């Protein structure tokens, strides 16, 4: 009987540990999803100051045409209205947390313009966030066009 009690106690402790881990993961996932929405809002409003906070120094932004920007050059395009986001829709958003790194994948459709040129993009993107000095920041944006 003592043996059965010990096994039941160990099982209860294990389930409790998994539940706490899932709650913690869920809290991080919710925090990352909130940052993702802040990113979308910043793009649609052309809010370069918000992007300054969301992006880490050294961030790499790879566009669907394979061109790349760093934090400063990308934010300059937003600030100067060289890239303007008119509409942005996302679906199938997934967040996976690996310690101090979080990976977001999603399908997005974007309407944007550069001057008089309108871009309609159907793509998937990957965002990588890293916890830097106790704060989550985006370190990678990689978008791949769906033909």
C-alpha atoms as a PDB file:
ATOM      1  CA  UNK A   1       0.000   0.000   0.000  1.00  0.00           C
ATOM      2  CA  UNK A   2       2.871   2.383   0.813  1.00  0.00           C
ATOM      3  CA  UNK A   3       4.376   1.561  -2.572  1.00  0.00           C
ATOM      4  CA  UNK A   4       1.111   2.450  -4.342  1.00  0.00           C
ATOM      5  CA  UNK A   5       0.862   5.696  -2.367  1.00  0.00           C
ATOM      6  CA  UNK A   6       4.431   6.615  -3.360  1.00  0.00           C
ATOM      7  CA  UNK A   7       3.728   5.924  -7.037  1.00  0.00           C
ATOM      8  CA  UNK A   8       0.535   8.010  -6.904  1.00  0.00           C
ATOM      9  CA  UNK A   9       2.388  10.871  -5.183  1.00  0.00           C
ATOM     10  CA  UNK A  10       5.147  10.793  -7.823  1.00  0.00           C
ATOM     11  CA  UNK A  11       2.547  10.776 -10.603  1.00  0.00           C
ATOM     12  CA  UNK A  12       0.754  13.749  -9.048  1.00  0.00           C
ATOM     13  CA  UNK A  13       4.018  15.686  -8.703  1.00  0.00           C
ATOM     14  CA  UNK A  14       4.924  14.918 -12.329  1.00  0.00           C
ATOM     15  CA  UNK A  15       1.533  16.083 -13.610  1.00  0.00           C
ATOM     16  CA  UNK A  16       1.828  19.229 -11.497  1.00  0.00           C
ATOM     17  CA  UNK A  17       5.306  19.961 -12.893  1.00  0.00           C
ATOM     18  CA  UNK A  18       4.050  19.549 -16.474  1.00  0.00           C
ATOM     19  CA  UNK A  19       1.062  21.803 -15.770  1.00  0.00           C
ATOM     20  CA  UNK A  20       3.334  24.527 -14.382  1.00  0.00           C
ATOM     21  CA  UNK A  21       5.680  24.209 -17.377  1.00  0.00           C
ATOM     22  CA  UNK A  22       2.732  24.501 -19.771  1.00  0.00           C
ATOM     23  CA  UNK A  23       1.387  27.544 -17.942  1.00  0.00           C
ATOM     24  CA  UNK A  24       4.811  29.186 -18.121  1.00  0.00           C
ATOM     25  CA  UNK A  25       5.140  28.305 -21.812  1.00  0.00           C
ATOM     26  CA  UNK A  26       1.644  29.603 -22.375  1.00  0.00           C
ATOM     27  CA  UNK A  27       2.498  32.906 -20.666  1.00  0.00           C
ATOM     28  CA  UNK A  28       5.563  33.312 -22.882  1.00  0.00           C
ATOM     29  CA  UNK A  29       3.543  32.379 -25.968  1.00  0.00           C
ATOM     30  CA  UNK A  30       0.947  35.014 -25.046  1.00  0.00           C
ATOM     31  CA  UNK A  31       3.691  37.603 -24.537  1.00  0.00           C
ATOM     32  CA  UNK A  32       5.161  36.803 -27.962  1.00  0.00           C
ATOM     33  CA  UNK A  33       1.715  36.962 -29.605  1.00  0.00           C
ATOM     34  CA  UNK A  34       1.226  40.387 -28.005  1.00  0.00           C
ATOM     35  CA  UNK A  35       4.571  41.523 -29.481  1.00  0.00           C
ATOM     36  CA  UNK A  36       3.513  40.154 -32.863  1.00  0.00           C
ATOM     37  CA  UNK A  37       0.333  42.251 -32.738  1.00  0.00           C
ATOM     38  CA  UNK A  38       2.375  45.308 -31.725  1.00  0.00           C
ATOM     39  CA  UNK A  39       4.587  44.645 -34.769  1.00  0.00           C
ATOM     40  CA  UNK A  40       1.551  44.463 -37.094  1.00  0.00           C
ATOM     41  CA  UNK A  41       0.100  47.641 -35.579  1.00  0.00           C
ATOM     42  CA  UNK A  42       3.446  49.452 -35.954  1.00  0.00           C
ATOM     43  CA  UNK A  43       3.726  48.478 -39.634  1.00  0.00           C
ATOM     44  CA  UNK A  44       0.160  49.507 -40.456  1.00  0.00           C
ATOM     45  CA  UNK A  45       0.559  52.841 -38.659  1.00  0.00           C
ATOM     46  CA  UNK A  46       4.091  53.459 -39.956  1.00  0.00           C
ATOM     47  CA  UNK A  47       5.230  53.721 -36.331  1.00  0.00           C
ATOM     48  CA  UNK A  48       9.029  53.565 -36.609  1.00  0.00           C
ATOM     49  CA  UNK A  49       9.463  54.358 -32.900  1.00  0.00           C
ATOM     50  CA  UNK A  50       7.549  51.206 -31.937  1.00  0.00           C
ATOM     51  CA  UNK A  51       9.747  49.165 -34.292  1.00  0.00           C
ATOM     52  CA  UNK A  52      12.845  50.625 -32.583  1.00  0.00           C
ATOM     53  CA  UNK A  53      11.672  48.952 -29.381  1.00  0.00           C
ATOM     54  CA  UNK A  54      10.526  45.675 -30.946  1.00  0.00           C
ATOM     55  CA  UNK A  55      13.682  45.041 -32.996  1.00  0.00           C
ATOM     56  CA  UNK A  56      16.967  44.010 -31.409  1.00  0.00           C
ATOM     57  CA  UNK A  57      20.248  45.570 -32.407  1.00  0.00           C
ATOM     58  CA  UNK A  58      21.722  43.359 -35.126  1.00  0.00           C
ATOM     59  CA  UNK A  59      18.271  42.240 -36.293  1.00  0.00           C
ATOM     60  CA  UNK A  60      18.204  40.765 -39.810  1.00  0.00           C
ATOM     61  CA  UNK A  61      15.131  41.401 -41.983  1.00  0.00           C
ATOM     62  CA  UNK A  62      14.965  39.228 -45.110  1.00  0.00           C
ATOM     63  CA  UNK A  63      12.227  40.234 -47.548  1.00  0.00           C
ATOM     64  CA  UNK A  64      10.294  37.914 -49.889  1.00  0.00           C
ATOM     65  CA  UNK A  65      12.499  39.071 -52.783  1.00  0.00           C
ATOM     66  CA  UNK A  66      15.597  37.930 -50.816  1.00  0.00           C
ATOM     67  CA  UNK A  67      16.859  41.465 -50.189  1.00  0.00           C
ATOM     68  CA  UNK A  68      17.938  42.133 -46.624  1.00  0.00           C
ATOM     69  CA  UNK A  69      17.871  45.001 -44.187  1.00  0.00           C
ATOM     70  CA  UNK A  70      19.263  45.568 -40.748  1.00  0.00           C
ATOM     71  CA  UNK A  71      17.348  47.295 -37.992  1.00  0.00           C
ATOM     72  CA  UNK A  72      18.424  50.827 -38.949  1.00  0.00           C
ATOM     73  CA  UNK A  73      17.909  50.483 -42.712  1.00  0.00           C
ATOM     74  CA  UNK A  74      14.490  48.848 -42.351  1.00  0.00           C
ATOM     75  CA  UNK A  75      13.239  51.401 -39.841  1.00  0.00           C
ATOM     76  CA  UNK A  76      14.509  54.195 -42.109  1.00  0.00           C
ATOM     77  CA  UNK A  77      12.321  52.811 -44.937  1.00  0.00           C
ATOM     78  CA  UNK A  78       9.305  52.906 -42.625  1.00  0.00           C
ATOM     79  CA  UNK A  79      10.146  56.365 -41.242  1.00  0.00           C
ATOM     80  CA  UNK A  80      10.741  57.811 -44.741  1.00  0.00           C
ATOM     81  CA  UNK A  81       7.584  56.101 -46.069  1.00  0.00           C
ATOM     82  CA  UNK A  82       9.651  54.261 -48.677  1.00  0.00           C
ATOM     83  CA  UNK A  83       7.701  51.169 -47.544  1.00  0.00           C
ATOM     84  CA  UNK A  84       4.073  51.676 -46.550  1.00  0.00           C
ATOM     85  CA  UNK A  85       1.874  48.822 -45.334  1.00  0.00           C
ATOM     86  CA  UNK A  86      -1.772  49.234 -46.335  1.00  0.00           C
ATOM     87  CA  UNK A  87      -3.228  45.869 -45.277  1.00  0.00           C
ATOM     88  CA  UNK A  88      -1.809  42.896 -43.393  1.00  0.00           C
ATOM     89  CA  UNK A  89      -3.658  39.672 -42.592  1.00  0.00           C
ATOM     90  CA  UNK A  90      -2.252  36.644 -40.785  1.00  0.00           C
ATOM     91  CA  UNK A  91      -3.475  33.105 -40.192  1.00  0.00           C
ATOM     92  CA  UNK A  92      -2.087  29.839 -38.870  1.00  0.00           C
ATOM     93  CA  UNK A  93       0.092  31.595 -36.261  1.00  0.00           C
ATOM     94  CA  UNK A  94       2.250  29.252 -34.203  1.00  0.00           C
ATOM     95  CA  UNK A  95       4.668  30.102 -31.395  1.00  0.00           C
ATOM     96  CA  UNK A  96       7.286  27.637 -30.215  1.00  0.00           C
ATOM     97  CA  UNK A  97       9.465  28.512 -27.234  1.00  0.00           C
ATOM     98  CA  UNK A  98      12.990  27.161 -26.741  1.00  0.00           C
ATOM     99  CA  UNK A  99      14.248  28.646 -23.473  1.00  0.00           C
ATOM    100  CA  UNK A 100      15.178  32.263 -24.201  1.00  0.00           C
ATOM    101  CA  UNK A 101      14.274  31.935 -27.893  1.00  0.00           C
ATOM    102  CA  UNK A 102      10.812  31.955 -29.445  1.00  0.00           C
ATOM    103  CA  UNK A 103       9.973  31.106 -33.059  1.00  0.00           C
ATOM    104  CA  UNK A 104       6.807  32.377 -34.734  1.00  0.00           C
ATOM    105  CA  UNK A 105       5.526  30.983 -38.025  1.00  0.00           C
ATOM    106  CA  UNK A 106       2.488  32.198 -39.916  1.00  0.00           C
ATOM    107  CA  UNK A 107       0.884  32.701 -43.292  1.00  0.00           C
ATOM    108  CA  UNK A 108       0.417  36.365 -44.196  1.00  0.00           C
ATOM    109  CA  UNK A 109      -1.092  38.392 -46.989  1.00  0.00           C
ATOM    110  CA  UNK A 110       0.167  41.937 -47.336  1.00  0.00           C
ATOM    111  CA  UNK A 111      -0.716  44.899 -49.494  1.00  0.00           C
ATOM    112  CA  UNK A 112       1.985  47.557 -49.398  1.00  0.00           C
ATOM    113  CA  UNK A 113       3.407  50.194 -51.650  1.00  0.00           C
ATOM    114  CA  UNK A 114       6.696  51.845 -52.471  1.00  0.00           C
ATOM    115  CA  UNK A 115       5.953  55.115 -54.201  1.00  0.00           C
ATOM    116  CA  UNK A 116       3.398  54.328 -56.929  1.00  0.00           C
ATOM    117  CA  UNK A 117       4.270  50.602 -57.003  1.00  0.00           C
ATOM    118  CA  UNK A 118       1.750  48.386 -55.201  1.00  0.00           C
ATOM    119  CA  UNK A 119       2.902  45.028 -53.820  1.00  0.00           C
ATOM    120  CA  UNK A 120       0.484  42.205 -53.076  1.00  0.00           C
ATOM    121  CA  UNK A 121       2.330  39.524 -51.158  1.00  0.00           C
ATOM    122  CA  UNK A 122       1.161  36.045 -50.227  1.00  0.00           C
ATOM    123  CA  UNK A 123       3.858  34.468 -48.073  1.00  0.00           C
ATOM    124  CA  UNK A 124       4.868  32.658 -44.919  1.00  0.00           C
ATOM    125  CA  UNK A 125       7.181  34.260 -42.426  1.00  0.00           C
ATOM    126  CA  UNK A 126       9.370  33.190 -39.562  1.00  0.00           C
ATOM    127  CA  UNK A 127      10.131  35.544 -36.700  1.00  0.00           C
ATOM    128  CA  UNK A 128      12.744  34.711 -34.111  1.00  0.00           C
ATOM    129  CA  UNK A 129      12.595  36.468 -30.763  1.00  0.00           C
ATOM    130  CA  UNK A 130      15.298  36.383 -28.142  1.00  0.00           C
ATOM    131  CA  UNK A 131      15.065  37.367 -24.501  1.00  0.00           C
ATOM    132  CA  UNK A 132      17.676  40.106 -24.209  1.00  0.00           C
ATOM    133  CA  UNK A 133      18.216  41.711 -20.805  1.00  0.00           C
ATOM    134  CA  UNK A 134      14.865  40.335 -19.579  1.00  0.00           C
ATOM    135  CA  UNK A 135      12.988  41.709 -22.619  1.00  0.00           C
ATOM    136  CA  UNK A 136      11.815  39.863 -25.742  1.00  0.00           C
ATOM    137  CA  UNK A 137      12.966  41.411 -29.020  1.00  0.00           C
ATOM    138  CA  UNK A 138      12.765  40.301 -32.639  1.00  0.00           C
ATOM    139  CA  UNK A 139      16.148  39.236 -34.016  1.00  0.00           C
ATOM    140  CA  UNK A 140      15.086  37.684 -37.354  1.00  0.00           C
ATOM    141  CA  UNK A 141      12.331  38.203 -39.919  1.00  0.00           C
ATOM    142  CA  UNK A 142      12.396  35.807 -42.897  1.00  0.00           C
ATOM    143  CA  UNK A 143       9.582  35.845 -45.442  1.00  0.00           C
ATOM    144  CA  UNK A 144       9.082  33.324 -48.244  1.00  0.00           C
ATOM    145  CA  UNK A 145       6.659  34.066 -51.073  1.00  0.00           C
ATOM    146  CA  UNK A 146       3.987  31.510 -51.916  1.00  0.00           C
ATOM    147  CA  UNK A 147       3.643  31.331 -55.702  1.00  0.00           C
END
